[in-house]
């Protein structure tokens, strides 16, 4: 991967292809998690280029010694576009990365060509408390210093008994990366997640098309998240991914890529 300086830290990134740029923002437990999706997208969209990066403190990017807000994460995403001389881009985010993508889009709507959200974490929905309670066993492992146990519990709950194969699809060092990134997430990122909400006034200013991508097995919390997106973005399009949970980015990258490219092509034609 390449390295560039963004907002005081060195950020690792890679760019694939030679077309309209799409920035991909990963989730919190595995900085390389969107690698299979990037590969699937690049096979389907020769007209796009794909920028995949490691958020600060995760993967090979610097930082992560202090708590980082969602707003700072979004500023890093936009700062990376600045560093690459890109005035605008399609933006795709997964999980907390989708929350970061939302903040980037709301803070700089003129820079967003389209916004693709894979199950953002939206804490204002009714089932957030229940969802948080479900994460308590993972938190106890983290607080006990058992990072490997926390990773195993997280991915096993989301991906079932095949979760090790899903992780290996990212690369041979993916589990070790997930253990490091999980520790950083709970220490540095999780506190900020509870403070961010989807602001209706800023959402109303976004003119870019929005796509909500959801695994059909993902449960009530993410179903309510989609409903919230539709309240704030009335023209939001939907893509339902079969046989997928919150690990949809690893379970069904080909199906997601097909839905995303179709969405972008439709909006390009209508625009």
C-alpha atoms as a PDB file:
ATOM      1  CA  UNK A   1       0.000   0.000   0.000  1.00  0.00           C
ATOM      2  CA  UNK A   2       0.973   3.650  -0.412  1.00  0.00           C
ATOM      3  CA  UNK A   3       1.227   6.205   2.398  1.00  0.00           C
ATOM      4  CA  UNK A   4       0.196   9.857   2.493  1.00  0.00           C
ATOM      5  CA  UNK A   5      -0.006  12.459   5.251  1.00  0.00           C
ATOM      6  CA  UNK A   6      -3.559  13.390   6.262  1.00  0.00           C
ATOM      7  CA  UNK A   7      -4.494  15.647   9.174  1.00  0.00           C
ATOM      8  CA  UNK A   8      -1.255  15.001  11.032  1.00  0.00           C
ATOM      9  CA  UNK A   9      -1.008  11.231  10.571  1.00  0.00           C
ATOM     10  CA  UNK A  10       0.315   8.861   7.927  1.00  0.00           C
ATOM     11  CA  UNK A  11      -2.549   7.029   6.235  1.00  0.00           C
ATOM     12  CA  UNK A  12      -2.103   3.841   4.220  1.00  0.00           C
ATOM     13  CA  UNK A  13      -4.126   3.507   1.036  1.00  0.00           C
ATOM     14  CA  UNK A  14      -4.259   1.778  -2.316  1.00  0.00           C
ATOM     15  CA  UNK A  15      -5.938   2.852  -5.554  1.00  0.00           C
ATOM     16  CA  UNK A  16      -7.124   0.360  -8.156  1.00  0.00           C
ATOM     17  CA  UNK A  17      -8.401   1.235 -11.634  1.00  0.00           C
ATOM     18  CA  UNK A  18      -8.561   4.384 -13.762  1.00  0.00           C
ATOM     19  CA  UNK A  19     -12.005   5.951 -13.711  1.00  0.00           C
ATOM     20  CA  UNK A  20     -14.403   7.900 -11.516  1.00  0.00           C
ATOM     21  CA  UNK A  21     -13.135   7.539  -7.938  1.00  0.00           C
ATOM     22  CA  UNK A  22     -14.909   5.554  -5.249  1.00  0.00           C
ATOM     23  CA  UNK A  23     -13.622   5.826  -1.668  1.00  0.00           C
ATOM     24  CA  UNK A  24     -14.219   2.726   0.470  1.00  0.00           C
ATOM     25  CA  UNK A  25     -14.324   3.157   4.267  1.00  0.00           C
ATOM     26  CA  UNK A  26     -13.913  -0.048   6.282  1.00  0.00           C
ATOM     27  CA  UNK A  27     -15.503  -1.019   9.572  1.00  0.00           C
ATOM     28  CA  UNK A  28     -13.921  -1.257  12.998  1.00  0.00           C
ATOM     29  CA  UNK A  29     -12.692  -4.816  13.418  1.00  0.00           C
ATOM     30  CA  UNK A  30     -10.659  -5.459  10.268  1.00  0.00           C
ATOM     31  CA  UNK A  31      -8.930  -2.700   8.296  1.00  0.00           C
ATOM     32  CA  UNK A  32      -8.460  -4.911   5.226  1.00  0.00           C
ATOM     33  CA  UNK A  33     -12.029  -6.205   5.371  1.00  0.00           C
ATOM     34  CA  UNK A  34     -13.164  -4.462   2.184  1.00  0.00           C
ATOM     35  CA  UNK A  35     -10.402  -6.005   0.080  1.00  0.00           C
ATOM     36  CA  UNK A  36     -12.641  -8.797  -1.366  1.00  0.00           C
ATOM     37  CA  UNK A  37     -15.375  -6.270  -2.164  1.00  0.00           C
ATOM     38  CA  UNK A  38     -12.859  -3.955  -3.842  1.00  0.00           C
ATOM     39  CA  UNK A  39     -11.704  -6.858  -6.011  1.00  0.00           C
ATOM     40  CA  UNK A  40     -15.296  -7.732  -6.932  1.00  0.00           C
ATOM     41  CA  UNK A  41     -16.112  -4.122  -7.758  1.00  0.00           C
ATOM     42  CA  UNK A  42     -13.016  -3.658  -9.914  1.00  0.00           C
ATOM     43  CA  UNK A  43     -14.020  -6.670 -12.043  1.00  0.00           C
ATOM     44  CA  UNK A  44     -17.448  -5.176 -12.740  1.00  0.00           C
ATOM     45  CA  UNK A  45     -16.752  -1.474 -13.204  1.00  0.00           C
ATOM     46  CA  UNK A  46     -13.947  -0.514 -15.570  1.00  0.00           C
ATOM     47  CA  UNK A  47     -15.297   3.047 -15.482  1.00  0.00           C
ATOM     48  CA  UNK A  48     -14.454   3.401 -11.769  1.00  0.00           C
ATOM     49  CA  UNK A  49     -11.300   3.510  -9.692  1.00  0.00           C
ATOM     50  CA  UNK A  50     -11.343   2.321  -6.087  1.00  0.00           C
ATOM     51  CA  UNK A  51      -9.501   3.858  -3.147  1.00  0.00           C
ATOM     52  CA  UNK A  52      -9.270   1.601  -0.106  1.00  0.00           C
ATOM     53  CA  UNK A  53      -7.501   2.937   2.983  1.00  0.00           C
ATOM     54  CA  UNK A  54      -6.805   2.136   6.618  1.00  0.00           C
ATOM     55  CA  UNK A  55      -8.465   4.558   9.009  1.00  0.00           C
ATOM     56  CA  UNK A  56      -6.196   6.197  11.563  1.00  0.00           C
ATOM     57  CA  UNK A  57      -4.844   3.787  14.154  1.00  0.00           C
ATOM     58  CA  UNK A  58      -6.055   0.739  12.243  1.00  0.00           C
ATOM     59  CA  UNK A  59      -4.194  -1.564   9.898  1.00  0.00           C
ATOM     60  CA  UNK A  60      -0.956   0.150   8.943  1.00  0.00           C
ATOM     61  CA  UNK A  61      -2.080   3.748   9.467  1.00  0.00           C
ATOM     62  CA  UNK A  62      -0.617   5.870  12.249  1.00  0.00           C
ATOM     63  CA  UNK A  63      -2.587   7.364  15.127  1.00  0.00           C
ATOM     64  CA  UNK A  64      -4.852   5.591  17.554  1.00  0.00           C
ATOM     65  CA  UNK A  65      -3.241   6.808  20.765  1.00  0.00           C
ATOM     66  CA  UNK A  66      -6.225   8.937  21.803  1.00  0.00           C
ATOM     67  CA  UNK A  67      -9.994   8.848  21.310  1.00  0.00           C
ATOM     68  CA  UNK A  68     -11.014   9.897  17.790  1.00  0.00           C
ATOM     69  CA  UNK A  69     -14.424  11.357  16.967  1.00  0.00           C
ATOM     70  CA  UNK A  70     -16.620  10.416  14.038  1.00  0.00           C
ATOM     71  CA  UNK A  71     -16.117  13.952  12.749  1.00  0.00           C
ATOM     72  CA  UNK A  72     -12.334  13.505  12.780  1.00  0.00           C
ATOM     73  CA  UNK A  73     -12.683  10.199  10.956  1.00  0.00           C
ATOM     74  CA  UNK A  74     -14.785  11.920   8.293  1.00  0.00           C
ATOM     75  CA  UNK A  75     -12.226  14.732   8.013  1.00  0.00           C
ATOM     76  CA  UNK A  76      -9.566  12.070   7.375  1.00  0.00           C
ATOM     77  CA  UNK A  77     -11.658  10.580   4.555  1.00  0.00           C
ATOM     78  CA  UNK A  78     -12.078  13.975   2.923  1.00  0.00           C
ATOM     79  CA  UNK A  79      -8.430  14.796   3.614  1.00  0.00           C
ATOM     80  CA  UNK A  80      -7.379  11.690   1.736  1.00  0.00           C
ATOM     81  CA  UNK A  81      -9.383  12.891  -1.262  1.00  0.00           C
ATOM     82  CA  UNK A  82      -7.543  16.219  -0.953  1.00  0.00           C
ATOM     83  CA  UNK A  83      -4.191  14.459  -0.829  1.00  0.00           C
ATOM     84  CA  UNK A  84      -5.096  12.607  -4.026  1.00  0.00           C
ATOM     85  CA  UNK A  85      -6.332  15.822  -5.739  1.00  0.00           C
ATOM     86  CA  UNK A  86      -9.890  14.500  -5.975  1.00  0.00           C
ATOM     87  CA  UNK A  87     -12.582  17.170  -5.623  1.00  0.00           C
ATOM     88  CA  UNK A  88     -15.340  14.537  -5.316  1.00  0.00           C
ATOM     89  CA  UNK A  89     -15.919  10.790  -5.212  1.00  0.00           C
ATOM     90  CA  UNK A  90     -18.482   8.065  -4.792  1.00  0.00           C
ATOM     91  CA  UNK A  91     -18.249   7.026  -1.126  1.00  0.00           C
ATOM     92  CA  UNK A  92     -18.964   3.529   0.221  1.00  0.00           C
ATOM     93  CA  UNK A  93     -18.808   2.675   3.900  1.00  0.00           C
ATOM     94  CA  UNK A  94     -19.426  -0.437   5.990  1.00  0.00           C
ATOM     95  CA  UNK A  95     -20.674  -0.558   9.616  1.00  0.00           C
ATOM     96  CA  UNK A  96     -18.924   2.206  11.603  1.00  0.00           C
ATOM     97  CA  UNK A  97     -17.198   3.090   8.326  1.00  0.00           C
ATOM     98  CA  UNK A  98     -20.680   3.756   6.904  1.00  0.00           C
ATOM     99  CA  UNK A  99     -21.350   6.080   9.843  1.00  0.00           C
ATOM    100  CA  UNK A 100     -18.097   7.867   8.981  1.00  0.00           C
ATOM    101  CA  UNK A 101     -19.201   7.995   5.330  1.00  0.00           C
ATOM    102  CA  UNK A 102     -22.481   9.590   6.397  1.00  0.00           C
ATOM    103  CA  UNK A 103     -20.662  12.254   8.394  1.00  0.00           C
ATOM    104  CA  UNK A 104     -18.330  12.960   5.466  1.00  0.00           C
ATOM    105  CA  UNK A 105     -21.319  13.330   3.138  1.00  0.00           C
ATOM    106  CA  UNK A 106     -23.214  15.603   5.526  1.00  0.00           C
ATOM    107  CA  UNK A 107     -20.195  17.794   6.251  1.00  0.00           C
ATOM    108  CA  UNK A 108     -19.223  18.178   2.569  1.00  0.00           C
ATOM    109  CA  UNK A 109     -22.225  17.202   0.417  1.00  0.00           C
ATOM    110  CA  UNK A 110     -20.776  18.811  -2.701  1.00  0.00           C
ATOM    111  CA  UNK A 111     -17.928  16.286  -2.654  1.00  0.00           C
ATOM    112  CA  UNK A 112     -20.154  13.195  -2.828  1.00  0.00           C
ATOM    113  CA  UNK A 113     -21.148  11.731  -6.204  1.00  0.00           C
ATOM    114  CA  UNK A 114     -23.113   8.917  -4.564  1.00  0.00           C
ATOM    115  CA  UNK A 115     -23.297   7.403  -1.092  1.00  0.00           C
ATOM    116  CA  UNK A 116     -23.396   3.632  -0.536  1.00  0.00           C
ATOM    117  CA  UNK A 117     -24.081   2.525   3.049  1.00  0.00           C
ATOM    118  CA  UNK A 118     -23.549  -1.072   4.163  1.00  0.00           C
ATOM    119  CA  UNK A 119     -25.397  -1.318   7.487  1.00  0.00           C
ATOM    120  CA  UNK A 120     -24.270   1.866   9.263  1.00  0.00           C
ATOM    121  CA  UNK A 121     -24.271   1.924  13.051  1.00  0.00           C
ATOM    122  CA  UNK A 122     -27.068   4.345  13.963  1.00  0.00           C
ATOM    123  CA  UNK A 123     -27.495   4.560  17.715  1.00  0.00           C
ATOM    124  CA  UNK A 124     -30.757   6.533  17.698  1.00  0.00           C
ATOM    125  CA  UNK A 125     -32.903   3.634  16.465  1.00  0.00           C
ATOM    126  CA  UNK A 126     -35.194   1.950  19.042  1.00  0.00           C
ATOM    127  CA  UNK A 127     -33.331  -1.378  19.202  1.00  0.00           C
ATOM    128  CA  UNK A 128     -29.908   0.164  19.909  1.00  0.00           C
ATOM    129  CA  UNK A 129     -30.134  -0.701  23.614  1.00  0.00           C
ATOM    130  CA  UNK A 130     -30.934  -4.340  22.833  1.00  0.00           C
ATOM    131  CA  UNK A 131     -28.151  -4.472  20.238  1.00  0.00           C
ATOM    132  CA  UNK A 132     -25.692  -3.054  22.792  1.00  0.00           C
ATOM    133  CA  UNK A 133     -26.718  -5.644  25.379  1.00  0.00           C
ATOM    134  CA  UNK A 134     -25.928  -8.341  22.847  1.00  0.00           C
ATOM    135  CA  UNK A 135     -22.373  -7.012  22.671  1.00  0.00           C
ATOM    136  CA  UNK A 136     -21.809  -7.222  26.438  1.00  0.00           C
ATOM    137  CA  UNK A 137     -20.019 -10.631  26.313  1.00  0.00           C
ATOM    138  CA  UNK A 138     -17.559  -9.179  23.796  1.00  0.00           C
ATOM    139  CA  UNK A 139     -17.016  -6.109  25.982  1.00  0.00           C
ATOM    140  CA  UNK A 140     -16.266  -8.292  28.991  1.00  0.00           C
ATOM    141  CA  UNK A 141     -13.591 -10.139  27.014  1.00  0.00           C
ATOM    142  CA  UNK A 142     -12.102  -6.838  25.870  1.00  0.00           C
ATOM    143  CA  UNK A 143     -12.085  -5.439  29.413  1.00  0.00           C
ATOM    144  CA  UNK A 144     -10.339  -8.614  30.585  1.00  0.00           C
ATOM    145  CA  UNK A 145      -7.641  -8.052  27.954  1.00  0.00           C
ATOM    146  CA  UNK A 146      -8.647 -11.067  25.881  1.00  0.00           C
ATOM    147  CA  UNK A 147      -8.520  -9.528  22.411  1.00  0.00           C
ATOM    148  CA  UNK A 148      -8.472 -12.856  20.601  1.00  0.00           C
ATOM    149  CA  UNK A 149     -11.511 -13.958  22.569  1.00  0.00           C
ATOM    150  CA  UNK A 150     -13.310 -10.714  21.747  1.00  0.00           C
ATOM    151  CA  UNK A 151     -12.583 -11.165  18.036  1.00  0.00           C
ATOM    152  CA  UNK A 152     -13.666 -14.802  18.090  1.00  0.00           C
ATOM    153  CA  UNK A 153     -16.909 -13.971  19.901  1.00  0.00           C
ATOM    154  CA  UNK A 154     -17.690 -11.106  17.509  1.00  0.00           C
ATOM    155  CA  UNK A 155     -17.110 -12.967  14.273  1.00  0.00           C
ATOM    156  CA  UNK A 156     -18.630 -16.233  15.502  1.00  0.00           C
ATOM    157  CA  UNK A 157     -21.825 -14.409  16.505  1.00  0.00           C
ATOM    158  CA  UNK A 158     -22.069 -12.704  13.117  1.00  0.00           C
ATOM    159  CA  UNK A 159     -20.720 -15.393  10.796  1.00  0.00           C
ATOM    160  CA  UNK A 160     -21.426 -18.696  12.510  1.00  0.00           C
ATOM    161  CA  UNK A 161     -19.048 -21.663  12.417  1.00  0.00           C
ATOM    162  CA  UNK A 162     -17.564 -20.674   9.035  1.00  0.00           C
ATOM    163  CA  UNK A 163     -16.235 -17.354  10.328  1.00  0.00           C
ATOM    164  CA  UNK A 164     -12.537 -18.420  10.163  1.00  0.00           C
ATOM    165  CA  UNK A 165     -12.925 -19.088   6.430  1.00  0.00           C
ATOM    166  CA  UNK A 166     -14.517 -15.672   5.960  1.00  0.00           C
ATOM    167  CA  UNK A 167     -11.613 -13.979   7.721  1.00  0.00           C
ATOM    168  CA  UNK A 168      -9.065 -15.949   5.707  1.00  0.00           C
ATOM    169  CA  UNK A 169     -10.676 -14.679   2.497  1.00  0.00           C
ATOM    170  CA  UNK A 170      -9.147 -11.291   3.347  1.00  0.00           C
ATOM    171  CA  UNK A 171      -5.589 -12.616   3.675  1.00  0.00           C
ATOM    172  CA  UNK A 172      -3.330 -14.854   5.713  1.00  0.00           C
ATOM    173  CA  UNK A 173      -2.658 -12.137   8.323  1.00  0.00           C
ATOM    174  CA  UNK A 174      -6.280 -11.047   8.641  1.00  0.00           C
ATOM    175  CA  UNK A 175      -6.937 -12.608  12.054  1.00  0.00           C
ATOM    176  CA  UNK A 176      -3.877 -10.954  13.582  1.00  0.00           C
ATOM    177  CA  UNK A 177      -4.997  -7.638  12.074  1.00  0.00           C
ATOM    178  CA  UNK A 178      -8.508  -8.121  13.449  1.00  0.00           C
ATOM    179  CA  UNK A 179      -7.123  -8.693  16.958  1.00  0.00           C
ATOM    180  CA  UNK A 180      -5.076  -5.468  16.789  1.00  0.00           C
ATOM    181  CA  UNK A 181      -7.883  -3.466  15.234  1.00  0.00           C
ATOM    182  CA  UNK A 182     -10.487  -4.674  17.742  1.00  0.00           C
ATOM    183  CA  UNK A 183      -8.348  -3.435  20.628  1.00  0.00           C
ATOM    184  CA  UNK A 184      -7.973  -0.050  18.939  1.00  0.00           C
ATOM    185  CA  UNK A 185     -11.677   0.175  18.163  1.00  0.00           C
ATOM    186  CA  UNK A 186     -12.876  -0.329  21.730  1.00  0.00           C
ATOM    187  CA  UNK A 187     -10.197   1.945  23.172  1.00  0.00           C
ATOM    188  CA  UNK A 188     -10.242   4.759  20.597  1.00  0.00           C
ATOM    189  CA  UNK A 189     -13.403   4.685  18.466  1.00  0.00           C
ATOM    190  CA  UNK A 190     -16.299   3.181  20.421  1.00  0.00           C
ATOM    191  CA  UNK A 191     -16.794   6.171  22.782  1.00  0.00           C
ATOM    192  CA  UNK A 192     -17.368   8.501  19.811  1.00  0.00           C
ATOM    193  CA  UNK A 193     -19.886   6.187  18.193  1.00  0.00           C
ATOM    194  CA  UNK A 194     -22.364   6.778  21.017  1.00  0.00           C
ATOM    195  CA  UNK A 195     -22.221  10.557  20.520  1.00  0.00           C
ATOM    196  CA  UNK A 196     -22.960  10.748  16.765  1.00  0.00           C
ATOM    197  CA  UNK A 197     -26.506  11.055  15.431  1.00  0.00           C
ATOM    198  CA  UNK A 198     -27.899  11.613  11.947  1.00  0.00           C
ATOM    199  CA  UNK A 199     -28.710  15.314  11.787  1.00  0.00           C
ATOM    200  CA  UNK A 200     -31.932  15.962   9.796  1.00  0.00           C
ATOM    201  CA  UNK A 201     -31.018  19.491   8.707  1.00  0.00           C
ATOM    202  CA  UNK A 202     -27.670  18.487   7.256  1.00  0.00           C
ATOM    203  CA  UNK A 203     -29.178  15.355   5.710  1.00  0.00           C
ATOM    204  CA  UNK A 204     -31.697  17.499   3.825  1.00  0.00           C
ATOM    205  CA  UNK A 205     -28.821  19.288   2.074  1.00  0.00           C
ATOM    206  CA  UNK A 206     -27.413  16.104   0.520  1.00  0.00           C
ATOM    207  CA  UNK A 207     -28.352  15.817  -3.139  1.00  0.00           C
ATOM    208  CA  UNK A 208     -26.266  12.763  -4.025  1.00  0.00           C
ATOM    209  CA  UNK A 209     -28.106   9.460  -4.544  1.00  0.00           C
ATOM    210  CA  UNK A 210     -28.023   7.095  -1.558  1.00  0.00           C
ATOM    211  CA  UNK A 211     -28.045   3.292  -1.536  1.00  0.00           C
ATOM    212  CA  UNK A 212     -28.784   1.230   1.579  1.00  0.00           C
ATOM    213  CA  UNK A 213     -27.250  -2.266   1.418  1.00  0.00           C
ATOM    214  CA  UNK A 214     -28.453  -4.755   4.034  1.00  0.00           C
ATOM    215  CA  UNK A 215     -27.922  -8.445   4.682  1.00  0.00           C
ATOM    216  CA  UNK A 216     -31.261 -10.225   4.792  1.00  0.00           C
ATOM    217  CA  UNK A 217     -30.224 -12.057   7.976  1.00  0.00           C
ATOM    218  CA  UNK A 218     -28.939  -8.982   9.796  1.00  0.00           C
ATOM    219  CA  UNK A 219     -31.797  -8.475  12.235  1.00  0.00           C
ATOM    220  CA  UNK A 220     -33.933  -5.706  13.671  1.00  0.00           C
ATOM    221  CA  UNK A 221     -31.221  -3.168  14.501  1.00  0.00           C
ATOM    222  CA  UNK A 222     -30.110  -2.841  10.888  1.00  0.00           C
ATOM    223  CA  UNK A 223     -33.690  -2.980   9.594  1.00  0.00           C
ATOM    224  CA  UNK A 224     -34.474   0.026  11.778  1.00  0.00           C
ATOM    225  CA  UNK A 225     -31.312   1.707  10.540  1.00  0.00           C
ATOM    226  CA  UNK A 226     -32.598   1.426   6.991  1.00  0.00           C
ATOM    227  CA  UNK A 227     -35.933   2.919   8.052  1.00  0.00           C
ATOM    228  CA  UNK A 228     -34.069   5.864   9.551  1.00  0.00           C
ATOM    229  CA  UNK A 229     -32.144   6.380   6.305  1.00  0.00           C
ATOM    230  CA  UNK A 230     -35.424   6.454   4.391  1.00  0.00           C
ATOM    231  CA  UNK A 231     -36.837   9.085   6.731  1.00  0.00           C
ATOM    232  CA  UNK A 232     -33.879  11.373   6.093  1.00  0.00           C
ATOM    233  CA  UNK A 233     -33.239  10.437   2.446  1.00  0.00           C
ATOM    234  CA  UNK A 234     -36.689   9.829   0.873  1.00  0.00           C
ATOM    235  CA  UNK A 235     -35.183   8.726  -2.446  1.00  0.00           C
ATOM    236  CA  UNK A 236     -32.830   6.210  -0.832  1.00  0.00           C
ATOM    237  CA  UNK A 237     -32.563   3.018  -2.896  1.00  0.00           C
ATOM    238  CA  UNK A 238     -32.298  -0.434  -1.295  1.00  0.00           C
ATOM    239  CA  UNK A 239     -30.276  -3.559  -2.004  1.00  0.00           C
ATOM    240  CA  UNK A 240     -31.081  -6.710   0.003  1.00  0.00           C
ATOM    241  CA  UNK A 241     -28.286  -9.273   0.027  1.00  0.00           C
ATOM    242  CA  UNK A 242     -29.441 -12.901   0.521  1.00  0.00           C
ATOM    243  CA  UNK A 243     -27.691 -15.341   2.852  1.00  0.00           C
ATOM    244  CA  UNK A 244     -25.849 -12.516   4.592  1.00  0.00           C
ATOM    245  CA  UNK A 245     -25.597 -11.061   8.088  1.00  0.00           C
ATOM    246  CA  UNK A 246     -23.577  -8.061   9.272  1.00  0.00           C
ATOM    247  CA  UNK A 247     -20.556  -9.833   7.743  1.00  0.00           C
ATOM    248  CA  UNK A 248     -22.155  -9.324   4.316  1.00  0.00           C
ATOM    249  CA  UNK A 249     -18.975  -7.690   3.006  1.00  0.00           C
ATOM    250  CA  UNK A 250     -17.196 -11.044   3.442  1.00  0.00           C
ATOM    251  CA  UNK A 251     -20.141 -13.373   2.854  1.00  0.00           C
ATOM    252  CA  UNK A 252     -21.425 -11.894  -0.403  1.00  0.00           C
ATOM    253  CA  UNK A 253     -18.935  -9.448  -1.965  1.00  0.00           C
ATOM    254  CA  UNK A 254     -19.960 -10.413  -5.508  1.00  0.00           C
ATOM    255  CA  UNK A 255     -23.655  -9.753  -4.870  1.00  0.00           C
ATOM    256  CA  UNK A 256     -22.862  -6.420  -3.208  1.00  0.00           C
ATOM    257  CA  UNK A 257     -20.628  -5.403  -6.113  1.00  0.00           C
ATOM    258  CA  UNK A 258     -23.387  -6.202  -8.598  1.00  0.00           C
ATOM    259  CA  UNK A 259     -25.890  -4.093  -6.645  1.00  0.00           C
ATOM    260  CA  UNK A 260     -23.501  -1.164  -6.227  1.00  0.00           C
ATOM    261  CA  UNK A 261     -22.435  -1.015  -9.878  1.00  0.00           C
ATOM    262  CA  UNK A 262     -26.070  -1.272 -11.014  1.00  0.00           C
ATOM    263  CA  UNK A 263     -27.001   1.586  -8.675  1.00  0.00           C
ATOM    264  CA  UNK A 264     -24.215   3.818  -9.981  1.00  0.00           C
ATOM    265  CA  UNK A 265     -25.023   2.983 -13.608  1.00  0.00           C
ATOM    266  CA  UNK A 266     -28.723   3.799 -13.093  1.00  0.00           C
ATOM    267  CA  UNK A 267     -27.935   7.165 -11.559  1.00  0.00           C
ATOM    268  CA  UNK A 268     -25.368   7.953 -14.228  1.00  0.00           C
ATOM    269  CA  UNK A 269     -27.972   7.317 -16.925  1.00  0.00           C
ATOM    270  CA  UNK A 270     -30.680   9.316 -15.141  1.00  0.00           C
ATOM    271  CA  UNK A 271     -28.268  12.174 -14.454  1.00  0.00           C
END
